[in-house]
Protein backbone atom coordinates (compact mmCIF):
# COMPACT_ATOMS: atom_id res chain seq x y z
CA MET A 1 0.00 0.00 0.00
CA GLU A 2 1.33 3.41 -0.95
CA ASN A 3 1.93 5.72 1.98
CA LYS A 4 0.71 9.15 0.83
CA ASP A 5 2.43 12.16 2.32
CA LEU A 6 -0.46 14.35 3.48
CA VAL A 7 1.68 16.75 5.51
CA LEU A 8 1.49 20.26 4.02
CA SER A 9 4.99 21.62 4.65
CA SER A 10 5.97 25.19 3.80
CA ALA A 11 7.89 24.02 0.73
CA LYS A 12 4.91 21.99 -0.51
CA LEU A 13 2.58 24.94 -0.02
CA VAL A 14 4.84 27.20 -2.11
CA GLU A 15 5.07 24.56 -4.84
CA ARG A 16 1.29 24.08 -4.82
CA ASN A 17 0.76 27.83 -5.17
CA ARG A 18 3.14 27.85 -8.13
CA LYS A 19 1.42 24.94 -9.90
CA GLU A 20 -2.04 26.35 -9.26
CA GLY A 21 -1.06 29.75 -10.65
CA VAL A 22 -1.62 31.62 -7.38
CA ARG A 23 -1.01 35.35 -7.77
CA ILE A 24 -0.15 37.83 -5.04
CA GLU A 25 -1.51 41.38 -5.03
CA SER A 26 1.00 44.14 -4.39
CA GLY A 27 0.12 47.85 -4.14
CA LEU A 28 2.38 50.07 -6.24
CA PHE A 29 2.89 53.65 -7.28
CA ARG A 30 0.86 54.41 -10.37
CA ASP A 31 3.54 55.93 -12.57
CA SER A 32 5.68 52.89 -13.32
CA VAL A 33 3.45 49.89 -12.82
CA THR A 34 3.53 48.54 -16.33
CA ALA A 35 7.29 48.75 -16.68
CA ASN A 36 8.25 47.09 -13.42
CA SER A 37 5.42 44.76 -12.50
CA LEU A 38 6.78 41.37 -13.57
CA GLY A 39 3.05 40.63 -13.56
CA GLU A 40 -0.28 42.19 -14.48
CA MET A 41 -1.86 45.56 -13.63
CA VAL A 42 -5.33 45.71 -12.09
CA SER A 43 -7.59 48.48 -10.74
CA SER A 44 -6.61 51.24 -13.12
CA ASP A 45 -9.82 53.24 -12.71
CA GLY A 46 -8.08 55.84 -10.54
CA LYS A 47 -10.37 55.29 -7.55
CA TYR A 48 -7.89 53.15 -5.64
CA ASN A 49 -4.17 52.68 -5.70
CA ASP A 50 -3.06 50.62 -8.65
CA ALA A 51 -2.04 47.09 -7.84
CA VAL A 52 0.19 44.58 -9.51
CA ILE A 53 -0.41 40.85 -9.52
CA THR A 54 2.88 39.05 -8.95
CA LYS A 55 2.90 35.57 -10.43
CA ILE A 56 4.73 32.73 -8.71
CA ASN A 57 6.91 31.49 -11.55
CA SER A 58 9.34 29.47 -9.45
CA ALA A 59 9.01 27.35 -6.34
CA LYS A 60 11.81 29.29 -4.67
CA TRP A 61 12.16 33.08 -4.81
CA GLU A 62 15.73 33.67 -3.69
CA ASN A 63 18.26 33.07 -6.47
CA SER A 64 15.51 32.45 -9.02
CA GLU A 65 15.71 34.13 -12.44
CA GLU A 66 13.08 36.72 -11.46
CA TYR A 67 14.84 37.37 -8.12
CA ASP A 68 18.19 37.96 -9.76
CA LYS A 69 16.61 40.28 -12.33
CA LEU A 70 14.83 42.32 -9.66
CA TRP A 71 17.85 42.79 -7.41
CA LYS A 72 20.10 43.60 -10.36
CA ASN A 73 17.71 46.45 -11.17
CA VAL A 74 17.66 47.54 -7.50
CA SER A 75 21.45 47.64 -7.42
CA GLN A 76 21.69 49.63 -10.66
CA LEU A 77 19.02 52.13 -9.60
CA SER A 78 20.60 52.59 -6.16
CA GLN A 79 23.98 53.35 -7.75
CA LYS A 80 22.38 55.73 -10.24
CA MET A 81 20.68 57.65 -7.45
CA ARG A 82 23.87 57.81 -5.39
CA ASP A 83 25.70 59.20 -8.40
CA ASN A 84 22.92 61.74 -8.95
CA LYS A 85 23.09 62.88 -5.32
CA THR A 86 26.87 63.25 -5.49
CA SER A 87 26.68 65.33 -8.66
CA GLN A 88 24.20 67.69 -6.99
CA GLY A 89 26.47 68.06 -3.99
CA SER A 90 23.59 68.28 -1.51
CA THR A 91 21.09 66.21 0.43
CA TYR A 92 17.54 65.83 -0.80
CA THR A 93 15.03 67.48 1.52
CA ASN A 94 11.69 66.60 -0.06
CA SER A 95 10.12 64.30 -2.63
CA ALA A 96 10.16 66.94 -5.38
CA GLN A 97 13.96 66.64 -5.52
CA PHE A 98 13.96 62.86 -5.96
CA PRO A 99 14.97 61.61 -9.41
CA SER A 100 12.21 59.85 -11.33
CA ASP A 101 13.94 56.52 -10.81
CA TYR A 102 13.19 56.71 -7.08
CA TYR A 103 9.68 55.34 -7.56
CA ASP A 104 10.96 52.57 -9.80
CA LEU A 105 13.27 51.52 -6.99
CA ILE A 106 10.46 51.54 -4.44
CA ASN A 107 8.31 49.46 -6.79
CA TYR A 108 10.99 46.80 -7.05
CA LEU A 109 11.33 46.67 -3.27
CA ARG A 110 7.56 46.30 -2.90
CA LEU A 111 7.51 43.45 -5.37
CA ASP A 112 10.28 41.70 -3.46
CA VAL A 113 8.33 41.99 -0.20
CA SER A 114 5.20 40.61 -1.87
CA ARG A 115 7.04 37.61 -3.30
CA ARG A 116 8.95 36.89 -0.08
CA ARG A 117 5.69 36.44 1.82
CA VAL A 118 5.04 33.33 -0.28
CA GLU A 119 8.11 31.66 1.21
CA TYR A 120 6.37 31.65 4.59
CA ALA A 121 3.37 29.33 4.86
CA ASP A 122 0.30 31.60 5.00
CA TYR A 123 -2.74 29.48 5.85
CA THR A 124 -5.26 32.34 5.65
CA ASN A 125 -6.79 31.51 2.27
CA LEU A 126 -6.82 27.80 3.15
CA PHE A 127 -8.22 28.01 6.66
CA THR A 128 -10.74 30.74 5.79
CA MET A 129 -12.72 31.82 2.76
CA GLU A 130 -10.89 35.03 1.90
CA THR A 131 -12.39 37.85 -0.15
CA VAL A 132 -10.42 40.94 -1.20
CA ARG A 133 -12.57 44.08 -1.31
CA MET A 134 -10.66 47.37 -1.48
CA ASP A 135 -13.94 49.32 -1.55
CA MET A 136 -15.49 48.06 1.69
CA SER A 137 -15.96 50.37 4.65
CA GLN A 138 -14.48 50.01 8.12
CA LYS A 139 -17.64 48.36 9.45
CA VAL A 140 -18.40 45.09 7.69
CA GLY A 141 -21.91 43.66 8.02
CA LEU A 142 -22.72 39.98 8.02
CA GLU A 143 -23.98 40.21 4.45
CA GLU A 144 -20.35 40.66 3.39
CA PHE A 145 -19.45 37.24 4.78
CA LEU A 146 -22.45 34.94 4.45
CA PRO A 147 -24.12 33.67 1.27
CA TYR A 148 -27.60 34.97 0.47
CA THR A 149 -30.55 32.56 0.82
CA GLY A 150 -34.04 32.36 -0.58
CA GLY A 151 -36.81 29.80 -1.06
CA PHE A 152 -39.04 29.35 -4.07
CA GLU A 153 -42.76 29.36 -3.32
CA GLU A 154 -45.65 28.50 -5.57
CA ILE A 155 -47.25 31.47 -7.34
CA THR A 156 -50.22 31.88 -9.67
CA GLY A 157 -48.44 34.23 -12.05
CA ARG A 158 -51.34 36.66 -11.88
CA GLY A 159 -49.81 39.59 -10.05
CA ASP A 160 -49.09 37.89 -6.73
CA ASN A 161 -45.93 38.64 -4.74
CA VAL A 162 -42.92 36.35 -4.82
CA SER A 163 -40.75 35.40 -1.83
CA MET A 164 -37.58 37.43 -1.50
CA ILE A 165 -33.89 36.55 -1.09
CA GLU A 166 -32.54 37.40 2.36
CA HIS A 167 -29.32 39.39 2.31
CA LYS A 168 -28.42 38.55 5.93
CA THR A 169 -28.67 42.17 7.03
CA GLY A 170 -29.88 43.64 10.28
CA SER A 171 -29.61 41.82 13.57
CA GLU A 172 -26.23 40.11 13.29
CA ALA A 173 -23.02 41.63 14.64
CA VAL A 174 -20.85 44.01 12.63
CA LYS A 175 -17.12 43.28 12.27
CA LEU A 176 -14.49 45.99 12.04
CA VAL A 177 -11.66 46.11 9.54
CA LYS A 178 -8.50 46.39 11.59
CA LEU A 179 -5.20 47.77 10.36
CA TYR A 180 -1.85 46.21 11.25
CA GLY A 181 1.46 47.91 10.53
CA LEU A 182 5.22 47.52 10.85
CA GLY A 183 7.85 50.17 10.16
CA ASP A 184 11.55 50.38 9.49
CA VAL A 185 13.16 52.89 11.83
CA ARG A 186 16.11 53.75 9.60
CA SER A 187 16.06 56.92 7.58
CA LEU A 188 15.41 56.82 3.86
CA GLU A 189 18.87 58.20 3.22
CA ASP A 190 20.43 55.27 5.04
CA GLU A 191 18.18 52.88 3.21
CA LEU A 192 18.88 54.15 -0.28
CA TYR A 193 22.49 55.31 -0.15
CA ASN A 194 24.46 54.09 2.83
CA ILE A 195 23.72 50.38 3.16
CA ASP A 196 24.29 47.37 0.98
CA ILE A 197 21.72 45.35 -0.97
CA TYR A 198 21.92 42.44 1.45
CA THR A 199 20.65 44.66 4.26
CA LEU A 200 17.71 45.76 2.13
CA GLN A 201 16.88 42.11 1.55
CA LYS A 202 16.89 41.43 5.29
CA VAL A 203 14.53 44.36 5.90
CA ASN A 204 12.13 43.02 3.29
CA ASP A 205 12.33 39.54 4.77
CA ALA A 206 11.41 40.92 8.20
CA PHE A 207 8.32 42.56 6.69
CA ALA A 208 7.30 39.31 4.98
CA ARG A 209 7.86 37.13 8.04
CA GLY A 210 6.01 39.49 10.36
CA PHE A 211 3.10 39.76 7.93
CA VAL A 212 2.58 36.02 7.55
CA ALA A 213 3.02 35.40 11.29
CA LYS A 214 0.25 37.88 12.10
CA ARG A 215 -2.05 36.66 9.33
CA ASN A 216 -1.71 33.07 10.51
CA ASP A 217 -2.42 34.12 14.08
CA LEU A 218 -5.63 35.80 12.90
CA SER A 219 -6.78 32.69 11.04
CA ILE A 220 -5.49 29.23 11.97
CA GLY A 221 -4.16 30.67 15.23
CA ARG A 222 -7.75 31.13 16.39
CA LEU A 223 -7.80 27.37 17.00
CA LEU A 224 -5.58 28.14 19.99
CA THR A 225 -6.57 31.61 21.15
CA LYS A 226 -9.60 33.89 20.97
CA ALA A 227 -9.57 37.38 19.48
CA ASP A 228 -8.63 38.87 22.86
CA GLY A 229 -5.55 36.63 23.11
CA THR A 230 -6.88 34.31 25.82
CA ALA A 231 -6.77 30.54 25.34
CA ARG A 232 -9.76 29.06 23.55
CA SER A 233 -11.75 26.46 25.47
CA TYR A 234 -13.81 23.90 23.58
CA SER A 235 -17.31 22.74 24.42
CA THR A 236 -17.95 19.13 25.42
CA ALA A 237 -19.38 18.25 22.01
CA GLN A 238 -16.23 19.59 20.37
CA THR A 239 -13.75 17.82 22.65
CA VAL A 240 -12.69 14.21 22.12
CA ALA A 241 -11.55 12.39 25.26
CA GLN A 242 -7.94 11.25 25.39
CA ILE A 243 -7.52 7.48 25.21
CA THR A 244 -4.77 5.23 26.60
CA GLN A 245 -2.92 2.64 24.57
CA GLY A 246 -4.26 -0.82 25.36
CA ALA A 247 -2.04 -3.57 26.72
CA ASN A 248 -2.37 -5.54 23.48
CA ASP A 249 -2.21 -2.57 21.10
CA THR A 250 0.66 -0.71 19.51
CA TYR A 251 0.85 3.01 20.07
CA GLN A 252 0.00 3.58 16.40
CA GLU A 253 -3.23 1.65 16.85
CA ALA A 254 -4.14 4.01 19.68
CA VAL A 255 -3.35 7.00 17.43
CA TYR A 256 -5.55 5.51 14.71
CA GLN A 257 -8.43 5.14 17.17
CA THR A 258 -7.93 8.75 18.29
CA VAL A 259 -8.22 10.09 14.74
CA LEU A 260 -11.24 7.86 14.10
CA ASN A 261 -12.94 9.11 17.28
CA MET A 262 -12.32 12.71 16.23
CA TYR A 263 -13.84 12.09 12.83
CA LYS A 264 -16.91 10.47 14.36
CA ALA A 265 -17.28 13.48 16.67
CA ILE A 266 -17.05 16.10 13.93
CA ARG A 267 -19.71 14.30 11.89
CA LEU A 268 -22.14 14.74 14.79
CA LEU A 269 -21.79 18.53 14.82
CA LYS A 270 -24.52 20.70 13.34
CA ASP A 271 -24.51 23.96 11.45
CA PRO A 272 -25.70 26.69 13.86
CA ARG A 273 -27.68 28.37 11.06
CA THR A 274 -29.69 25.38 9.86
CA GLY A 275 -29.47 22.78 12.61
CA GLN A 276 -28.45 20.23 9.97
CA GLU A 277 -25.42 17.99 10.30
CA ILE A 278 -22.40 19.62 8.70
CA ASP A 279 -20.69 18.36 5.56
CA ALA A 280 -17.52 16.79 6.95
CA SER A 281 -16.80 14.55 3.97
CA ARG A 282 -13.35 16.18 3.71
CA VAL A 283 -11.51 17.48 6.75
CA VAL A 284 -8.04 18.70 7.69
CA MET A 285 -5.99 17.98 10.81
CA ALA A 286 -3.72 20.61 12.38
CA THR A 287 -0.94 19.23 14.57
CA SER A 288 2.55 19.93 15.80
CA TYR A 289 5.43 19.02 13.49
CA SER A 290 6.44 16.18 15.80
CA ASP A 291 2.98 14.57 15.75
CA ALA A 292 2.42 15.00 12.00
CA PHE A 293 4.50 11.91 11.13
CA ASP A 294 2.46 9.53 13.33
CA ILE A 295 -0.82 11.04 12.16
CA ASN A 296 0.17 10.72 8.50
CA ARG A 297 1.06 7.06 8.94
CA VAL A 298 -2.15 6.01 10.63
CA ILE A 299 -4.35 7.98 8.22
CA ASN A 300 -2.83 5.83 5.47
CA GLY A 301 -3.79 2.71 7.43
CA GLN A 302 -0.18 1.55 7.76
CA ILE A 303 0.24 0.40 11.34
CA ASP A 304 2.89 -1.92 12.74
CA ASN A 305 2.04 -4.67 15.18
CA TYR A 306 4.35 -6.14 17.77
CA LYS A 307 5.80 -8.63 15.29
CA GLY A 308 7.04 -5.84 13.09
CA LYS A 309 4.59 -6.58 10.29
CA ALA A 310 2.24 -4.07 8.75
CA ALA A 311 -1.36 -4.30 9.91
CA ASN A 312 -3.52 -2.87 7.16
CA TYR A 313 -6.30 -0.76 8.63
CA SER A 314 -8.78 1.07 6.44
CA SER A 315 -7.28 4.33 5.22
CA LEU A 316 -8.99 7.41 6.65
CA ASN A 317 -9.43 9.02 3.26
CA GLU A 318 -11.76 11.69 4.69
CA VAL A 319 -8.69 13.41 6.18
CA ALA A 320 -7.41 15.28 3.13
CA GLU A 321 -4.35 16.97 4.63
CA ILE A 322 -2.28 17.53 7.76
CA TRP A 323 -1.20 21.07 8.53
CA PRO A 324 1.71 21.25 10.99
CA TYR A 325 1.47 24.70 12.56
CA ARG A 326 4.30 25.95 14.73
CA GLY A 327 3.35 29.63 14.96
CA ASP A 328 6.25 32.03 15.29
CA THR A 329 8.13 34.01 17.92
CA PHE A 330 10.76 36.74 17.68
CA THR A 331 12.05 39.73 19.62
CA ALA A 332 12.20 43.27 18.25
CA ASN A 333 13.14 46.41 20.17
CA LYS A 334 13.18 44.44 23.44
CA LYS A 335 9.58 43.30 22.93
CA LYS A 336 8.83 39.63 22.41
CA TYR A 337 6.19 38.73 19.84
CA THR A 338 4.66 35.30 20.34
CA TYR A 339 2.18 33.72 17.98
CA PRO A 340 1.35 30.37 19.61
CA GLY A 341 1.67 27.21 17.58
CA ILE A 342 0.21 23.78 18.19
CA THR A 343 2.14 22.01 20.92
CA THR A 344 2.99 18.32 20.91
CA GLY A 345 0.02 16.18 21.93
CA ASN A 346 -2.74 18.54 20.79
CA LEU A 347 -4.82 17.75 17.71
CA TYR A 348 -7.46 19.69 15.80
CA MET A 349 -9.78 18.37 13.10
CA PHE A 350 -11.90 20.81 11.12
CA VAL A 351 -13.62 21.70 7.85
CA PRO A 352 -11.49 24.61 6.54
CA GLY A 353 -12.60 27.44 4.31
CA LYS A 354 -11.12 25.64 1.28
CA PHE A 355 -13.74 22.92 1.89
CA ASN A 356 -16.50 25.49 2.58
CA GLY A 357 -16.18 25.68 6.34
CA PRO A 358 -17.73 29.01 7.49
CA ALA A 359 -14.56 30.83 8.54
CA TYR A 360 -14.22 34.13 6.68
CA THR A 361 -11.58 36.79 6.05
CA MET A 362 -12.49 40.06 4.36
CA THR A 363 -9.32 41.81 3.19
CA LYS A 364 -9.56 45.51 2.46
CA ARG A 365 -5.86 46.00 1.85
CA GLY A 366 -3.26 43.30 1.31
CA LEU A 367 0.34 43.74 2.32
CA THR A 368 1.16 47.31 1.23
CA TYR A 369 4.63 48.81 1.30
CA ALA A 370 4.54 52.58 1.66
CA THR A 371 7.19 55.28 1.87
CA GLY A 372 5.97 58.68 2.95
CA GLU A 373 2.65 57.99 1.27
CA GLY A 374 0.63 61.19 0.84
CA ASP A 375 3.20 63.47 2.58
CA VAL A 376 6.23 65.50 1.57
CA LEU A 377 9.23 63.42 2.55
CA LYS A 378 11.81 64.90 4.90
CA PHE A 379 14.55 62.70 3.69
CA ALA A 380 16.53 62.25 6.86
CA ARG A 381 13.62 61.33 9.12
CA ASP A 382 10.85 59.55 7.24
CA ALA A 383 10.64 55.77 7.46
CA LYS A 384 8.89 53.17 5.37
CA VAL A 385 6.01 51.06 6.59
CA ALA A 386 4.21 47.90 5.55
CA TYR A 387 0.58 47.49 6.53
CA PHE A 388 -2.57 45.52 5.81
CA GLY A 389 -6.22 45.66 6.81
CA GLN A 390 -8.74 42.85 7.21
CA ALA A 391 -11.78 41.66 9.15
CA SER A 392 -12.59 38.14 10.33
CA TYR A 393 -15.78 36.25 11.12
CA ASN A 394 -15.62 32.72 12.56
CA ASP A 395 -18.49 32.44 15.07
CA LEU A 396 -20.26 29.85 12.92
CA PHE A 397 -17.04 27.87 12.45
CA PHE A 398 -16.43 27.53 16.19
CA GLY A 399 -20.12 27.08 17.00
CA GLY A 400 -20.48 26.10 20.64
CA SER A 401 -16.87 27.15 21.25
CA ALA A 402 -17.19 30.59 19.67
CA ASP A 403 -15.99 33.81 21.32
CA THR A 404 -19.64 34.69 21.89
CA ALA A 405 -22.19 32.31 23.38
CA GLY A 406 -22.48 29.59 20.74
CA LYS A 407 -25.12 26.94 20.26
CA SER A 408 -24.19 23.67 21.95
CA GLY A 409 -23.37 20.84 19.55
CA THR A 410 -22.64 23.13 16.61
CA GLY A 411 -19.46 24.06 14.80
CA TYR A 412 -16.93 22.78 12.29
CA VAL A 413 -14.01 21.86 14.53
CA VAL A 414 -13.15 19.36 17.27
CA LYS A 415 -10.13 19.15 19.54
CA GLY A 416 -8.40 15.95 20.62
CA SER A 417 -5.17 14.71 22.17
CA MET A 418 -2.53 12.17 21.25
CA PRO A 419 -3.08 8.98 23.30
CA LEU A 420 -1.28 8.11 26.48
CA ALA A 421 1.24 5.30 26.06
CA TYR A 422 0.52 2.00 27.83
CA SER A 423 2.10 1.53 31.23
CA ALA A 424 2.07 -1.81 33.06
CA THR A 425 2.41 -0.13 36.46
């Protein structure tokens, strides 16, 4: 029996995005989009900032053909601007004095940040159903997230009224679009003239890593913590009791039974909107990296017995993938940023947004790299910033374990634990 590798590693996610033609939106200055995009221009109506769609042409960004081309252009433009500054014999004091190539340089740096984010596994568009709407307001009503519904009723066709589609407006809660930002404290002069290209690359990588870490925490990270940062507790119906390895069982057999129990539990959950059992025909498991190997093996039905021979159990084909999620942690300016990951022993089974689980992300602005946007630049003091804005709605997904009081027995996720090993004492 073939042992399928269902573990979605970062490298596999990047390769999948490349094969599926995934494209990343990157906000750019309007005046040189077409020349420097390495992609396609969208939103040219003048109402919003132009954007470029960066295609993923290679599984790896660094040292790829596109990467080398981009950074060659950055190096040439940086040298050209240094030479221009030297010939003037003075320091630039505002944006009007910048050579036209300045915005070309910034565009290249923005594109590099956008492509680097792909190297970090962003689960947002897998865990949630993500919609990008640059025109939405700060307050997002439920109609922005949920599908419309309506029922056909018999009519005579002689002037009688028809039933109407419900747009899900009114009584439900409103979600706010929240902005998240990160800046580089160095001056623009240092950035453009006094440091090497490698340092610029490290700055961009810090933007990309911080962006994906926060996005993951706002999506798949909600399995672990609520919006206020406190630990999420799961209702009884969404918690599978830990089992202990039997005296005559291998540990893998106990793991298999754990996964099977979790799948049975999730199939009993109901949709809080309809009261019907949810569609759990395809589910995903989120685990620690250390547990992903054992889970992958038992899902394939390949389990060793005490004689060292394979015991062929039925493959749990309903589990489509395993997402090992480690979160991230780093220290900046003496402050520690911790985005909790799944610790060894904890298991989560759920219907993600990619399989129509009702977890939603509404993105107003993707990762945007700005330098003195909208203001006259005082060259020695202004810094650059990367920011994004989005809203989330997952009450239906968590059901009885939602941030607000959920309906018991509802939801699209269950939590379990790796089994305890057998002890003869």
